[in-house]
Amino acid sequence: MKKIYVAALALLLAVAVSACGDNRVDTRVDPAAQSSGAFPVKITGDRVVSGGRIYAENCASCHGPVNGPINLASAPVHGDAGHTWHHPDRLLFQWVLDRPPLATVMPAFRGTLTDEQVIEVLAYIKSHWLPEIQDRQNEGSAQYEAQVVEFGTE
C-alpha cells in the first residue's frame, strides 16, 4: 500500500509540474551529478556539515531553522512538519537551482551554488528528518529516478 501511495504521489507531482507550462521544471542534471548516482541524495557527515553552513548562508534567512516552527508568513520549513520530504530529490535539486514552479519570491541559485553544494544542502535538510520519513522520501526519490530512466528526461 505504501508503494502505491508513493507512486501515486510521484505521478501526481509529475502531472502538476508538467501542467505549469513555461514554469516546468527542467529535470536535466549535470552529467557528473547524474553519473555519480546523485539521487536519492546520500547523507554523509561531511555533506551534513558543509550543507549546514551553506543552508545558514543562503536559506535560513527565509526558511528558518530546518525543524523550526511553521510560520505561514515565511517560506516553508524543511523539517518533518514541512512538505519538502514529499518531493523527490531530483525535483528539490532543480528547484534550488532554478526555483520551484509558481514560486514568486524564492531566488534561483544556479550560478551561486554548485551541484555538489545543492546536494550538500539537501543532505543537511534530510538529516533532520525522522528515519521513517527519510526512508519514505528516499523510496519516492528512487521511484522517480526509475521513471526518469525509463521515460527519459526531456
Protein backbone atom coordinates (compact mmCIF):
# COMPACT_ATOMS: atom_id res chain seq x y z
CA MET A 1 0.00 0.00 0.00
CA LYS A 2 2.86 2.34 0.88
CA LYS A 3 4.47 1.81 -2.55
CA ILE A 4 1.20 2.59 -4.31
CA TYR A 5 0.85 5.81 -2.29
CA VAL A 6 4.39 6.94 -3.15
CA ALA A 7 3.98 6.04 -6.83
CA ALA A 8 0.64 7.87 -6.99
CA LEU A 9 2.20 10.90 -5.29
CA ALA A 10 5.12 10.90 -7.78
CA LEU A 11 2.71 10.63 -10.71
CA LEU A 12 0.52 13.43 -9.36
CA LEU A 13 3.58 15.61 -8.88
CA ALA A 14 4.80 14.91 -12.42
CA VAL A 15 1.38 15.83 -13.84
CA ALA A 16 1.22 19.01 -11.76
CA VAL A 17 4.71 20.08 -12.83
CA SER A 18 4.03 19.39 -16.50
CA ALA A 19 0.84 21.48 -16.29
CA CYS A 20 2.85 24.54 -15.36
CA GLY A 21 3.73 25.33 -18.97
CA ASP A 22 6.77 27.60 -19.21
CA ASN A 23 7.37 27.19 -15.47
CA ARG A 24 8.00 23.49 -15.99
CA VAL A 25 10.96 22.08 -14.11
CA ASP A 26 13.95 21.13 -16.23
CA THR A 27 14.84 17.68 -14.92
CA ARG A 28 18.14 17.56 -16.77
CA VAL A 29 21.03 17.22 -14.38
CA ASP A 30 24.70 17.91 -14.81
CA PRO A 31 26.17 14.70 -16.28
CA ALA A 32 28.67 14.44 -13.41
CA ALA A 33 25.86 14.50 -10.86
CA GLN A 34 23.81 12.02 -12.86
CA SER A 35 26.62 9.55 -13.42
CA SER A 36 27.62 9.65 -9.77
CA GLY A 37 24.19 8.35 -8.78
CA ALA A 38 23.40 11.62 -7.02
CA PHE A 39 19.77 10.71 -6.39
CA PRO A 40 18.49 9.79 -3.91
CA VAL A 41 20.89 12.05 -2.04
CA LYS A 42 23.08 10.13 0.38
CA ILE A 43 23.51 11.62 3.84
CA THR A 44 27.14 11.70 4.95
CA GLY A 45 28.76 13.52 7.84
CA ASP A 46 30.81 15.75 5.53
CA ARG A 47 27.75 16.67 3.45
CA VAL A 48 25.70 17.49 6.54
CA VAL A 49 28.41 19.77 7.96
CA SER A 50 29.01 21.56 4.67
CA GLY A 51 25.29 21.67 3.86
CA GLY A 52 24.53 23.20 7.24
CA ARG A 53 26.95 26.04 6.55
CA ILE A 54 25.53 26.60 3.06
CA TYR A 55 21.95 26.46 4.39
CA ALA A 56 22.79 29.03 7.08
CA GLU A 57 24.34 31.37 4.49
CA ASN A 58 21.71 31.02 1.74
CA CYS A 59 18.45 29.53 3.02
CA ALA A 60 17.86 30.10 6.73
CA SER A 61 17.08 33.81 6.41
CA CYS A 62 13.84 32.89 4.61
CA HIS A 63 13.15 29.28 5.60
CA GLY A 64 14.36 29.50 9.20
CA PRO A 65 15.82 26.50 11.02
CA VAL A 66 15.07 23.17 9.34
CA ASN A 67 12.90 21.97 12.23
CA GLY A 68 11.65 25.42 13.19
CA PRO A 69 8.02 26.30 13.80
CA ILE A 70 5.70 26.63 10.85
CA ASN A 71 5.13 30.29 10.03
CA LEU A 72 2.62 30.83 7.25
CA ALA A 73 4.07 34.27 6.56
CA SER A 74 7.51 32.91 5.67
CA ALA A 75 8.98 30.36 3.30
CA PRO A 76 8.15 26.72 4.09
CA VAL A 77 10.14 24.92 6.77
CA HIS A 78 12.02 21.84 5.65
CA GLY A 79 11.67 19.63 8.73
CA ASP A 80 9.29 16.78 9.50
CA ALA A 81 6.35 19.17 9.84
CA GLY A 82 7.04 20.71 6.45
CA HIS A 83 6.25 19.49 2.97
CA THR A 84 9.74 19.18 1.48
CA TRP A 85 10.03 15.47 2.14
CA HIS A 86 7.03 14.82 -0.10
CA HIS A 87 9.14 15.62 -3.19
CA PRO A 88 11.84 13.54 -4.90
CA ASP A 89 15.44 14.70 -4.60
CA ARG A 90 15.82 15.43 -8.32
CA LEU A 91 12.99 17.98 -8.19
CA LEU A 92 14.27 19.54 -4.96
CA PHE A 93 17.70 19.80 -6.59
CA GLN A 94 16.26 21.53 -9.67
CA TRP A 95 14.07 23.81 -7.59
CA VAL A 96 17.04 25.06 -5.60
CA LEU A 97 18.90 25.77 -8.83
CA ASP A 98 16.02 27.23 -10.86
CA ARG A 99 13.34 27.91 -8.20
CA PRO A 100 10.13 25.93 -7.83
CA PRO A 101 7.39 26.31 -10.41
CA LEU A 102 4.96 29.03 -9.40
CA ALA A 103 7.41 30.39 -6.80
CA THR A 104 7.40 34.15 -6.89
CA VAL A 105 9.87 35.03 -4.16
CA MET A 106 12.50 32.30 -3.97
CA PRO A 107 15.60 33.15 -5.99
CA ALA A 108 17.28 30.69 -8.30
CA PHE A 109 20.69 29.59 -7.03
CA ARG A 110 22.10 28.41 -10.37
CA GLY A 111 25.44 30.15 -10.74
CA THR A 112 25.57 30.80 -6.99
CA LEU A 113 25.71 27.22 -5.73
CA THR A 114 27.39 24.26 -7.41
CA ASP A 115 25.56 20.98 -7.97
CA GLU A 116 27.50 19.43 -5.09
CA GLN A 117 26.62 22.32 -2.78
CA VAL A 118 22.92 21.81 -3.54
CA ILE A 119 23.30 18.11 -2.80
CA GLU A 120 25.02 19.00 0.48
CA VAL A 121 22.13 21.29 1.45
CA LEU A 122 19.66 18.52 0.66
CA ALA A 123 21.69 16.06 2.76
CA TYR A 124 21.66 18.58 5.63
CA ILE A 125 17.88 19.03 5.38
CA LYS A 126 17.27 15.27 5.10
CA SER A 127 19.46 14.61 8.14
CA HIS A 128 16.87 16.40 10.28
CA TRP A 129 14.00 14.10 9.26
CA LEU A 130 12.88 11.10 11.27
CA PRO A 131 14.31 7.83 9.91
CA GLU A 132 10.91 6.67 8.65
CA ILE A 133 10.47 9.95 6.75
CA GLN A 134 13.97 9.62 5.29
CA ASP A 135 13.11 6.09 4.17
CA ARG A 136 9.81 7.14 2.58
CA GLN A 137 11.37 10.11 0.80
CA ASN A 138 14.33 8.02 -0.43
CA GLU A 139 11.93 5.41 -1.76
CA GLY A 140 9.94 8.07 -3.61
CA SER A 141 13.16 9.55 -5.00
CA ALA A 142 14.34 6.14 -6.21
CA GLN A 143 10.98 5.50 -7.91
CA TYR A 144 11.13 8.91 -9.56
CA GLU A 145 14.66 8.16 -10.81
CA ALA A 146 13.45 4.87 -12.26
CA GLN A 147 10.78 6.80 -14.17
CA VAL A 148 13.34 9.30 -15.43
CA VAL A 149 15.49 6.44 -16.72
CA GLU A 150 12.51 4.64 -18.25
CA PHE A 151 10.83 7.65 -19.88
CA GLY A 152 13.81 9.98 -20.44
CA THR A 153 14.47 13.44 -19.09
CA GLU A 154 13.16 15.61 -21.90
